Protein backbone atom coordinates (compact mmCIF):
# COMPACT_ATOMS: atom_id res chain seq x y z
CA MET A 1 6.07 0.01 -4.14
CA THR A 2 9.71 -1.02 -3.76
CA THR A 3 9.10 -2.20 -0.19
CA PHE A 4 5.99 -4.10 -1.30
CA LEU A 5 7.88 -5.82 -4.13
CA ALA A 6 10.70 -6.93 -1.83
CA ILE A 7 8.36 -8.27 0.85
CA ALA A 8 6.11 -9.94 -1.76
CA GLU A 9 9.12 -11.74 -3.23
CA ASN A 10 10.35 -12.88 0.19
CA SER A 11 6.84 -14.01 1.11
CA LYS A 12 6.38 -15.88 -2.18
CA LEU A 13 3.25 -13.87 -2.95
CA GLU A 14 2.10 -14.44 -6.50
CA PHE A 15 0.25 -11.37 -7.74
CA GLN A 16 -0.87 -10.16 -11.14
CA SER A 17 -0.63 -6.43 -10.63
CA PHE A 18 0.11 -3.70 -8.10
CA GLN A 19 -1.12 -0.12 -8.29
CA SER A 20 -1.16 2.59 -5.70
CA LYS A 21 -2.87 5.93 -5.41
CA ALA A 22 -2.22 8.60 -2.79
CA ILE A 23 -4.19 11.67 -1.78
CA GLY A 24 -2.69 14.41 0.36
CA LYS A 25 -4.61 16.90 2.49
CA LEU A 26 -3.08 20.38 2.51
CA GLU A 27 -3.89 22.49 5.58
CA MET A 28 -2.84 25.72 7.20
CA ILE A 29 -1.24 24.71 10.51
CA GLU A 30 0.38 27.32 12.75
CA ASP A 31 0.38 29.81 9.85
CA LYS A 32 2.14 27.36 7.52
CA LEU A 33 0.80 25.23 4.72
CA MET A 34 1.44 21.56 5.50
CA ILE A 35 0.38 18.24 4.10
CA SER A 36 -1.31 17.00 7.26
CA THR A 37 -2.70 13.69 6.05
CA ILE A 38 -1.79 11.27 3.28
CA THR A 39 -4.18 8.50 2.31
CA LEU A 40 -2.45 5.57 0.61
CA MET A 41 -4.63 3.26 -1.46
CA PRO A 42 -2.64 0.33 -2.82
CA THR A 43 -4.44 -2.27 -4.94
CA VAL A 44 -3.06 -5.75 -5.46
CA GLN A 45 -4.62 -8.15 -7.93
CA ILE A 46 -4.22 -11.86 -7.28
CA ALA A 47 -5.53 -14.88 -9.16
CA ASP A 48 -6.16 -17.18 -6.20
CA GLU A 49 -8.49 -16.52 -3.26
CA LEU A 50 -6.12 -18.66 -1.17
CA GLN A 51 -3.46 -15.93 -1.56
CA LYS A 52 -5.71 -13.20 -0.13
CA GLU A 53 -4.57 -13.51 3.49
CA ARG A 54 -0.93 -13.56 2.41
CA ALA A 55 -1.49 -10.47 0.24
CA GLU A 56 -3.05 -8.63 3.21
CA LYS A 57 -0.06 -9.49 5.41
CA VAL A 58 2.41 -8.38 2.74
CA LEU A 59 0.61 -5.06 2.25
CA HIS A 60 0.61 -4.33 5.98
CA LYS A 61 4.25 -5.36 6.39
CA ALA A 62 5.20 -3.10 3.49
CA ALA A 63 3.31 -0.17 5.01
CA ALA A 64 5.04 -0.68 8.37
CA ALA A 65 8.51 -1.01 6.80
CA CYS A 66 8.29 1.79 4.22
CA LEU A 67 11.24 4.16 4.54
CA ILE A 68 9.32 7.13 3.13
CA THR A 69 6.22 6.59 5.27
CA ASN A 70 8.39 6.28 8.37
CA SER A 71 10.29 9.48 7.51
CA ILE A 72 7.45 11.97 7.28
CA LYS A 73 5.41 13.81 9.92
CA SER A 74 2.07 13.58 8.14
CA LYS A 75 -0.64 11.25 9.39
CA ILE A 76 -0.86 8.20 7.13
CA ILE A 77 -4.17 6.52 6.42
CA PHE A 78 -3.72 3.09 4.82
CA LEU A 79 -6.61 1.71 2.74
CA PRO A 80 -5.42 -1.40 0.88
CA GLU A 81 -7.58 -3.30 -1.59
CA ILE A 82 -7.12 -6.85 -2.82
CA ILE A 83 -8.84 -7.98 -5.99
CA VAL A 84 -9.18 -11.65 -6.83
CA ALA A 85 -9.40 -11.94 -10.60
CA ILE A 86 -8.67 -15.15 -12.42
CA MET A 87 -7.10 -14.32 -15.77
CA ALA A 88 -8.34 -16.13 -18.85
CA GLU A 89 -5.79 -18.36 -20.50
């Protein structure tokens, strides 16, 4: 989330909300329990369809630059979602 927030700010991405969910797969590998796969599912809500491409780029840049993701051995599956929802005024 911290990486996303920094890149979103630098990219001037206006978003309404950010949430992320992760699921880890625990397996016995070489007689040891390991988290073999982590599926990351960030969701970004934006108000303007014109920001969708920018939001996609920011999410992918954040995934590539994430210190934690780049520091672990587990396979990472990245499944971002962008929701366009105009808020009532």
